[in-house]
Amino acid sequence: MRSTKLESVREPSGGGVFGWWGRSRTFLAQVRNELERVTWPTWKEVQATTFVVILTSIMFGIYLWGIDLVLDRLARALFQAFGV
């Protein structure tokens, strides 16, 4: 694994009016460098993780719906017991 040294983007004198241009170029060069190292997922990986997310969302939705039903019936029973 190669090590990269981050260069300082601050200039000691404040950079003046056009100092932002040099800092912007340095920033964009670093962004480009990072994007070259990104490992993008394959189409099958995207499909698999999407399926897992949808399935998990459905399972949590059913679970929370069940909890809501139980708490609703419990609250109704308490209200009826105390005549509210």
PDB file of N, CA and C in Angstrom:
ATOM      1  N   MET A   1       0.850  -1.179   0.000  1.00  0.00           N
ATOM      2  CA  MET A   1       0.000   0.000   0.000  1.00  0.00           C
ATOM      3  C   MET A   1       0.891   1.235   0.000  1.00  0.00           C
ATOM      4  N   ARG A   2       0.630   2.096  -0.932  1.00  0.00           N
ATOM      5  CA  ARG A   2       1.488   3.273  -1.002  1.00  0.00           C
ATOM      6  C   ARG A   2       0.968   4.358  -0.076  1.00  0.00           C
ATOM      7  N   SER A   3       1.882   5.098   0.436  1.00  0.00           N
ATOM      8  CA  SER A   3       1.546   6.174   1.358  1.00  0.00           C
ATOM      9  C   SER A   3       1.627   7.501   0.616  1.00  0.00           C
ATOM     10  N   THR A   4       0.616   8.314   0.804  1.00  0.00           N
ATOM     11  CA  THR A   4       0.632   9.622   0.163  1.00  0.00           C
ATOM     12  C   THR A   4       0.749  10.691   1.227  1.00  0.00           C
ATOM     13  N   LYS A   5       1.559  11.641   0.929  1.00  0.00           N
ATOM     14  CA  LYS A   5       1.753  12.744   1.853  1.00  0.00           C
ATOM     15  C   LYS A   5       0.804  13.861   1.438  1.00  0.00           C
ATOM     16  N   LEU A   6      -0.025  14.295   2.382  1.00  0.00           N
ATOM     17  CA  LEU A   6      -0.947  15.380   2.090  1.00  0.00           C
ATOM     18  C   LEU A   6      -0.186  16.694   2.131  1.00  0.00           C
ATOM     19  N   GLU A   7      -0.300  17.427   1.086  1.00  0.00           N
ATOM     20  CA  GLU A   7       0.380  18.707   1.066  1.00  0.00           C
ATOM     21  C   GLU A   7      -0.515  19.763   1.708  1.00  0.00           C
ATOM     22  N   SER A   8       0.110  20.702   2.324  1.00  0.00           N
ATOM     23  CA  SER A   8      -0.637  21.750   3.001  1.00  0.00           C
ATOM     24  C   SER A   8      -1.297  22.656   1.967  1.00  0.00           C
ATOM     25  N   VAL A   9      -2.557  22.969   2.197  1.00  0.00           N
ATOM     26  CA  VAL A   9      -3.264  23.834   1.265  1.00  0.00           C
ATOM     27  C   VAL A   9      -3.304  25.270   1.767  1.00  0.00           C
ATOM     28  N   ARG A  10      -2.773  25.501   2.936  1.00  0.00           N
ATOM     29  CA  ARG A  10      -2.741  26.862   3.472  1.00  0.00           C
ATOM     30  C   ARG A  10      -1.404  27.518   3.139  1.00  0.00           C
ATOM     31  N   GLU A  11      -1.506  28.739   2.752  1.00  0.00           N
ATOM     32  CA  GLU A  11      -0.286  29.498   2.500  1.00  0.00           C
ATOM     33  C   GLU A  11      -0.013  30.362   3.714  1.00  0.00           C
ATOM     34  N   PRO A  12       1.226  30.513   4.098  1.00  0.00           N
ATOM     35  CA  PRO A  12       1.543  31.248   5.316  1.00  0.00           C
ATOM     36  C   PRO A  12       1.103  32.706   5.276  1.00  0.00           C
ATOM     37  N   SER A  13       1.072  33.328   4.109  1.00  0.00           N
ATOM     38  CA  SER A  13       0.733  34.737   4.041  1.00  0.00           C
ATOM     39  C   SER A  13      -0.769  34.962   3.864  1.00  0.00           C
ATOM     40  N   GLY A  14      -1.585  33.905   3.879  1.00  0.00           N
ATOM     41  CA  GLY A  14      -3.021  34.064   3.716  1.00  0.00           C
ATOM     42  C   GLY A  14      -3.482  33.824   2.296  1.00  0.00           C
ATOM     43  N   GLY A  15      -2.583  33.866   1.322  1.00  0.00           N
ATOM     44  CA  GLY A  15      -2.943  33.502  -0.034  1.00  0.00           C
ATOM     45  C   GLY A  15      -3.387  34.652  -0.893  1.00  0.00           C
ATOM     46  N   GLY A  16      -3.740  35.761  -0.346  1.00  0.00           N
ATOM     47  CA  GLY A  16      -4.175  36.881  -1.166  1.00  0.00           C
ATOM     48  C   GLY A  16      -5.533  36.648  -1.790  1.00  0.00           C
ATOM     49  N   VAL A  17      -5.870  37.496  -2.743  1.00  0.00           N
ATOM     50  CA  VAL A  17      -7.177  37.448  -3.386  1.00  0.00           C
ATOM     51  C   VAL A  17      -7.336  36.178  -4.219  1.00  0.00           C
ATOM     52  N   PHE A  18      -6.295  35.745  -4.925  1.00  0.00           N
ATOM     53  CA  PHE A  18      -6.400  34.595  -5.815  1.00  0.00           C
ATOM     54  C   PHE A  18      -5.865  33.315  -5.186  1.00  0.00           C
ATOM     55  N   GLY A  19      -5.664  33.276  -3.879  1.00  0.00           N
ATOM     56  CA  GLY A  19      -5.184  32.077  -3.200  1.00  0.00           C
ATOM     57  C   GLY A  19      -6.184  30.941  -3.256  1.00  0.00           C
ATOM     58  N   TRP A  20      -7.441  31.275  -3.386  1.00  0.00           N
ATOM     59  CA  TRP A  20      -8.480  30.236  -3.447  1.00  0.00           C
ATOM     60  C   TRP A  20      -8.338  29.391  -4.707  1.00  0.00           C
ATOM     61  N   TRP A  21      -7.799  29.970  -5.769  1.00  0.00           N
ATOM     62  CA  TRP A  21      -7.642  29.230  -7.017  1.00  0.00           C
ATOM     63  C   TRP A  21      -6.657  28.070  -6.843  1.00  0.00           C
ATOM     64  N   GLY A  22      -5.541  28.349  -6.218  1.00  0.00           N
ATOM     65  CA  GLY A  22      -4.539  27.301  -5.980  1.00  0.00           C
ATOM     66  C   GLY A  22      -5.063  26.230  -5.035  1.00  0.00           C
ATOM     67  N   ARG A  23      -5.761  26.666  -3.988  1.00  0.00           N
ATOM     68  CA  ARG A  23      -6.335  25.701  -3.045  1.00  0.00           C
ATOM     69  C   ARG A  23      -7.398  24.850  -3.720  1.00  0.00           C
ATOM     70  N   SER A  24      -8.200  25.451  -4.592  1.00  0.00           N
ATOM     71  CA  SER A  24      -9.245  24.701  -5.308  1.00  0.00           C
ATOM     72  C   SER A  24      -8.614  23.667  -6.237  1.00  0.00           C
ATOM     73  N   ARG A  25      -7.570  24.048  -6.947  1.00  0.00           N
ATOM     74  CA  ARG A  25      -6.893  23.107  -7.841  1.00  0.00           C
ATOM     75  C   ARG A  25      -6.297  21.945  -7.055  1.00  0.00           C
ATOM     76  N   THR A  26      -5.694  22.243  -5.893  1.00  0.00           N
ATOM     77  CA  THR A  26      -5.124  21.185  -5.060  1.00  0.00           C
ATOM     78  C   THR A  26      -6.217  20.251  -4.566  1.00  0.00           C
ATOM     79  N   PHE A  27      -7.327  20.834  -4.119  1.00  0.00           N
ATOM     80  CA  PHE A  27      -8.446  20.029  -3.634  1.00  0.00           C
ATOM     81  C   PHE A  27      -8.978  19.113  -4.733  1.00  0.00           C
ATOM     82  N   LEU A  28      -9.202  19.662  -5.924  1.00  0.00           N
ATOM     83  CA  LEU A  28      -9.741  18.863  -7.022  1.00  0.00           C
ATOM     84  C   LEU A  28      -8.766  17.771  -7.457  1.00  0.00           C
ATOM     85  N   ALA A  29      -7.470  18.054  -7.398  1.00  0.00           N
ATOM     86  CA  ALA A  29      -6.477  17.034  -7.729  1.00  0.00           C
ATOM     87  C   ALA A  29      -6.527  15.892  -6.712  1.00  0.00           C
ATOM     88  N   GLN A  30      -6.710  16.236  -5.434  1.00  0.00           N
ATOM     89  CA  GLN A  30      -6.804  15.206  -4.401  1.00  0.00           C
ATOM     90  C   GLN A  30      -8.093  14.399  -4.555  1.00  0.00           C
ATOM     91  N   VAL A  31      -9.183  15.047  -4.923  1.00  0.00           N
ATOM     92  CA  VAL A  31     -10.448  14.341  -5.156  1.00  0.00           C
ATOM     93  C   VAL A  31     -10.290  13.366  -6.313  1.00  0.00           C
ATOM     94  N   ARG A  32      -9.678  13.805  -7.382  1.00  0.00           N
ATOM     95  CA  ARG A  32      -9.458  12.941  -8.551  1.00  0.00           C
ATOM     96  C   ARG A  32      -8.596  11.739  -8.168  1.00  0.00           C
ATOM     97  N   ASN A  33      -7.572  11.969  -7.377  1.00  0.00           N
ATOM     98  CA  ASN A  33      -6.692  10.900  -6.920  1.00  0.00           C
ATOM     99  C   ASN A  33      -7.468   9.870  -6.095  1.00  0.00           C
ATOM    100  N   GLU A  34      -8.339  10.334  -5.207  1.00  0.00           N
ATOM    101  CA  GLU A  34      -9.131   9.424  -4.387  1.00  0.00           C
ATOM    102  C   GLU A  34     -10.124   8.637  -5.238  1.00  0.00           C
ATOM    103  N   LEU A  35     -10.758   9.281  -6.212  1.00  0.00           N
ATOM    104  CA  LEU A  35     -11.737   8.601  -7.048  1.00  0.00           C
ATOM    105  C   LEU A  35     -11.096   7.504  -7.895  1.00  0.00           C
ATOM    106  N   GLU A  36      -9.826   7.645  -8.202  1.00  0.00           N
ATOM    107  CA  GLU A  36      -9.138   6.596  -8.956  1.00  0.00           C
ATOM    108  C   GLU A  36      -8.926   5.349  -8.110  1.00  0.00           C
ATOM    109  N   ARG A  37      -8.922   5.500  -6.781  1.00  0.00           N
ATOM    110  CA  ARG A  37      -8.691   4.369  -5.887  1.00  0.00           C
ATOM    111  C   ARG A  37      -9.983   3.701  -5.426  1.00  0.00           C
ATOM    112  N   VAL A  38     -11.128   4.249  -5.777  1.00  0.00           N
ATOM    113  CA  VAL A  38     -12.406   3.699  -5.334  1.00  0.00           C
ATOM    114  C   VAL A  38     -12.660   2.362  -6.022  1.00  0.00           C
ATOM    115  N   THR A  39     -13.152   1.411  -5.258  1.00  0.00           N
ATOM    116  CA  THR A  39     -13.561   0.124  -5.805  1.00  0.00           C
ATOM    117  C   THR A  39     -15.077   0.137  -5.909  1.00  0.00           C
ATOM    118  N   TRP A  40     -15.574   0.188  -7.131  1.00  0.00           N
ATOM    119  CA  TRP A  40     -17.005   0.265  -7.347  1.00  0.00           C
ATOM    120  C   TRP A  40     -17.598  -1.139  -7.316  1.00  0.00           C
ATOM    121  N   PRO A  41     -18.826  -1.288  -6.751  1.00  0.00           N
ATOM    122  CA  PRO A  41     -19.437  -2.620  -6.693  1.00  0.00           C
ATOM    123  C   PRO A  41     -19.901  -3.085  -8.072  1.00  0.00           C
ATOM    124  N   THR A  42     -19.974  -4.393  -8.221  1.00  0.00           N
ATOM    125  CA  THR A  42     -20.486  -4.963  -9.462  1.00  0.00           C
ATOM    126  C   THR A  42     -22.010  -4.892  -9.462  1.00  0.00           C
ATOM    127  N   TRP A  43     -22.623  -5.140 -10.627  1.00  0.00           N
ATOM    128  CA  TRP A  43     -24.082  -5.090 -10.733  1.00  0.00           C
ATOM    129  C   TRP A  43     -24.724  -6.140  -9.829  1.00  0.00           C
ATOM    130  N   LYS A  44     -24.117  -7.331  -9.733  1.00  0.00           N
ATOM    131  CA  LYS A  44     -24.665  -8.378  -8.866  1.00  0.00           C
ATOM    132  C   LYS A  44     -24.588  -7.981  -7.397  1.00  0.00           C
ATOM    133  N   GLU A  45     -23.519  -7.310  -6.994  1.00  0.00           N
ATOM    134  CA  GLU A  45     -23.402  -6.844  -5.609  1.00  0.00           C
ATOM    135  C   GLU A  45     -24.456  -5.781  -5.299  1.00  0.00           C
ATOM    136  N   VAL A  46     -24.701  -4.895  -6.253  1.00  0.00           N
ATOM    137  CA  VAL A  46     -25.723  -3.859  -6.066  1.00  0.00           C
ATOM    138  C   VAL A  46     -27.092  -4.505  -5.912  1.00  0.00           C
ATOM    139  N   GLN A  47     -27.402  -5.495  -6.753  1.00  0.00           N
ATOM    140  CA  GLN A  47     -28.687  -6.177  -6.662  1.00  0.00           C
ATOM    141  C   GLN A  47     -28.833  -6.908  -5.331  1.00  0.00           C
ATOM    142  N   ALA A  48     -27.779  -7.577  -4.898  1.00  0.00           N
ATOM    143  CA  ALA A  48     -27.836  -8.342  -3.649  1.00  0.00           C
ATOM    144  C   ALA A  48     -28.038  -7.427  -2.452  1.00  0.00           C
ATOM    145  N   THR A  49     -27.286  -6.349  -2.385  1.00  0.00           N
ATOM    146  CA  THR A  49     -27.429  -5.452  -1.234  1.00  0.00           C
ATOM    147  C   THR A  49     -28.770  -4.723  -1.268  1.00  0.00           C
ATOM    148  N   THR A  50     -29.273  -4.406  -2.453  1.00  0.00           N
ATOM    149  CA  THR A  50     -30.591  -3.778  -2.554  1.00  0.00           C
ATOM    150  C   THR A  50     -31.666  -4.727  -2.055  1.00  0.00           C
ATOM    151  N   PHE A  51     -31.562  -6.002  -2.428  1.00  0.00           N
ATOM    152  CA  PHE A  51     -32.517  -7.005  -1.959  1.00  0.00           C
ATOM    153  C   PHE A  51     -32.487  -7.113  -0.435  1.00  0.00           C
ATOM    154  N   VAL A  52     -31.290  -7.119   0.145  1.00  0.00           N
ATOM    155  CA  VAL A  52     -31.155  -7.223   1.600  1.00  0.00           C
ATOM    156  C   VAL A  52     -31.784  -6.005   2.280  1.00  0.00           C
ATOM    157  N   VAL A  53     -31.562  -4.829   1.742  1.00  0.00           N
ATOM    158  CA  VAL A  53     -32.126  -3.610   2.327  1.00  0.00           C
ATOM    159  C   VAL A  53     -33.654  -3.635   2.268  1.00  0.00           C
ATOM    160  N   ILE A  54     -34.210  -4.032   1.111  1.00  0.00           N
ATOM    161  CA  ILE A  54     -35.671  -4.079   0.975  1.00  0.00           C
ATOM    162  C   ILE A  54     -36.256  -5.129   1.910  1.00  0.00           C
ATOM    163  N   LEU A  55     -35.655  -6.307   1.970  1.00  0.00           N
ATOM    164  CA  LEU A  55     -36.143  -7.369   2.845  1.00  0.00           C
ATOM    165  C   LEU A  55     -36.073  -6.947   4.318  1.00  0.00           C
ATOM    166  N   THR A  56     -34.962  -6.331   4.715  1.00  0.00           N
ATOM    167  CA  THR A  56     -34.814  -5.867   6.095  1.00  0.00           C
ATOM    168  C   THR A  56     -35.848  -4.795   6.424  1.00  0.00           C
ATOM    169  N   SER A  57     -36.106  -3.885   5.493  1.00  0.00           N
ATOM    170  CA  SER A  57     -37.108  -2.840   5.717  1.00  0.00           C
ATOM    171  C   SER A  57     -38.497  -3.438   5.894  1.00  0.00           C
ATOM    172  N   ILE A  58     -38.823  -4.441   5.084  1.00  0.00           N
ATOM    173  CA  ILE A  58     -40.127  -5.096   5.210  1.00  0.00           C
ATOM    174  C   ILE A  58     -40.230  -5.807   6.560  1.00  0.00           C
ATOM    175  N   MET A  59     -39.183  -6.508   6.963  1.00  0.00           N
ATOM    176  CA  MET A  59     -39.204  -7.229   8.236  1.00  0.00           C
ATOM    177  C   MET A  59     -39.361  -6.267   9.424  1.00  0.00           C
ATOM    178  N   PHE A  60     -38.615  -5.170   9.414  1.00  0.00           N
ATOM    179  CA  PHE A  60     -38.756  -4.198  10.497  1.00  0.00           C
ATOM    180  C   PHE A  60     -40.133  -3.542  10.473  1.00  0.00           C
ATOM    181  N   GLY A  61     -40.676  -3.303   9.282  1.00  0.00           N
ATOM    182  CA  GLY A  61     -42.014  -2.732   9.175  1.00  0.00           C
ATOM    183  C   GLY A  61     -43.065  -3.646   9.783  1.00  0.00           C
ATOM    184  N   ILE A  62     -42.987  -4.943   9.489  1.00  0.00           N
ATOM    185  CA  ILE A  62     -43.928  -5.908  10.063  1.00  0.00           C
ATOM    186  C   ILE A  62     -43.753  -5.993  11.580  1.00  0.00           C
ATOM    187  N   TYR A  63     -42.507  -6.018  12.028  1.00  0.00           N
ATOM    188  CA  TYR A  63     -42.225  -6.073  13.465  1.00  0.00           C
ATOM    189  C   TYR A  63     -42.801  -4.858  14.187  1.00  0.00           C
ATOM    190  N   LEU A  64     -42.548  -3.673  13.672  1.00  0.00           N
ATOM    191  CA  LEU A  64     -43.054  -2.459  14.322  1.00  0.00           C
ATOM    192  C   LEU A  64     -44.571  -2.369  14.241  1.00  0.00           C
ATOM    193  N   TRP A  65     -45.168  -2.860  13.155  1.00  0.00           N
ATOM    194  CA  TRP A  65     -46.621  -2.891  13.040  1.00  0.00           C
ATOM    195  C   TRP A  65     -47.209  -3.794  14.128  1.00  0.00           C
ATOM    196  N   GLY A  66     -46.584  -4.945  14.352  1.00  0.00           N
ATOM    197  CA  GLY A  66     -47.045  -5.861  15.406  1.00  0.00           C
ATOM    198  C   GLY A  66     -46.935  -5.239  16.788  1.00  0.00           C
ATOM    199  N   ILE A  67     -45.821  -4.586  17.057  1.00  0.00           N
ATOM    200  CA  ILE A  67     -45.643  -3.905  18.352  1.00  0.00           C
ATOM    201  C   ILE A  67     -46.702  -2.823  18.523  1.00  0.00           C
ATOM    202  N   ASP A  68     -46.998  -2.090  17.458  1.00  0.00           N
ATOM    203  CA  ASP A  68     -48.005  -1.042  17.499  1.00  0.00           C
ATOM    204  C   ASP A  68     -49.379  -1.625  17.810  1.00  0.00           C
ATOM    205  N   LEU A  69     -49.721  -2.759  17.199  1.00  0.00           N
ATOM    206  CA  LEU A  69     -51.010  -3.399  17.479  1.00  0.00           C
ATOM    207  C   LEU A  69     -51.124  -3.808  18.946  1.00  0.00           C
ATOM    208  N   VAL A  70     -50.063  -4.414  19.468  1.00  0.00           N
ATOM    209  CA  VAL A  70     -50.079  -4.854  20.864  1.00  0.00           C
ATOM    210  C   VAL A  70     -50.224  -3.658  21.805  1.00  0.00           C
ATOM    211  N   LEU A  71     -49.460  -2.616  21.580  1.00  0.00           N
ATOM    212  CA  LEU A  71     -49.534  -1.443  22.453  1.00  0.00           C
ATOM    213  C   LEU A  71     -50.882  -0.736  22.328  1.00  0.00           C
ATOM    214  N   ASP A  72     -51.467  -0.734  21.129  1.00  0.00           N
ATOM    215  CA  ASP A  72     -52.775  -0.123  20.932  1.00  0.00           C
ATOM    216  C   ASP A  72     -53.843  -0.873  21.721  1.00  0.00           C
ATOM    217  N   ARG A  73     -53.824  -2.188  21.631  1.00  0.00           N
ATOM    218  CA  ARG A  73     -54.819  -2.979  22.374  1.00  0.00           C
ATOM    219  C   ARG A  73     -54.609  -2.858  23.875  1.00  0.00           C
ATOM    220  N   LEU A  74     -53.371  -2.781  24.303  1.00  0.00           N
ATOM    221  CA  LEU A  74     -53.083  -2.592  25.728  1.00  0.00           C
ATOM    222  C   LEU A  74     -53.605  -1.242  26.207  1.00  0.00           C
ATOM    223  N   ALA A  75     -53.377  -0.203  25.437  1.00  0.00           N
ATOM    224  CA  ALA A  75     -53.860   1.133  25.805  1.00  0.00           C
ATOM    225  C   ALA A  75     -55.380   1.176  25.833  1.00  0.00           C
ATOM    226  N   ARG A  76     -56.044   0.571  24.835  1.00  0.00           N
ATOM    227  CA  ARG A  76     -57.522   0.531  24.817  1.00  0.00           C
ATOM    228  C   ARG A  76     -58.060  -0.215  26.039  1.00  0.00           C
ATOM    229  N   ALA A  77     -57.402  -1.325  26.407  1.00  0.00           N
ATOM    230  CA  ALA A  77     -57.843  -2.084  27.578  1.00  0.00           C
ATOM    231  C   ALA A  77     -57.707  -1.262  28.848  1.00  0.00           C
ATOM    232  N   LEU A  78     -56.619  -0.530  28.971  1.00  0.00           N
ATOM    233  CA  LEU A  78     -56.425   0.317  30.148  1.00  0.00           C
ATOM    234  C   LEU A  78     -57.454   1.452  30.196  1.00  0.00           C
ATOM    235  N   PHE A  79     -57.735   2.061  29.050  1.00  0.00           N
ATOM    236  CA  PHE A  79     -58.725   3.129  29.016  1.00  0.00           C
ATOM    237  C   PHE A  79     -60.118   2.610  29.379  1.00  0.00           C
ATOM    238  N   GLN A  80     -60.460   1.429  28.888  1.00  0.00           N
ATOM    239  CA  GLN A  80     -61.769   0.850  29.228  1.00  0.00           C
ATOM    240  C   GLN A  80     -61.840   0.464  30.689  1.00  0.00           C
ATOM    241  N   ALA A  81     -60.751  -0.044  31.244  1.00  0.00           N
ATOM    242  CA  ALA A  81     -60.725  -0.468  32.652  1.00  0.00           C
ATOM    243  C   ALA A  81     -60.928   0.730  33.598  1.00  0.00           C
ATOM    244  N   PHE A  82     -60.393   1.881  33.226  1.00  0.00           N
ATOM    245  CA  PHE A  82     -60.492   3.047  34.100  1.00  0.00           C
ATOM    246  C   PHE A  82     -61.583   4.009  33.653  1.00  0.00           C
ATOM    247  N   GLY A  83     -62.381   3.632  32.685  1.00  0.00           N
ATOM    248  CA  GLY A  83     -63.543   4.398  32.275  1.00  0.00           C
ATOM    249  C   GLY A  83     -63.245   5.708  31.569  1.00  0.00           C
ATOM    250  N   VAL A  84     -62.160   5.782  30.859  1.00  0.00           N
ATOM    251  CA  VAL A  84     -61.821   7.022  30.152  1.00  0.00           C
ATOM    252  C   VAL A  84     -62.350   6.953  28.743  1.00  0.00           C
TER     253      VAL A  84
END
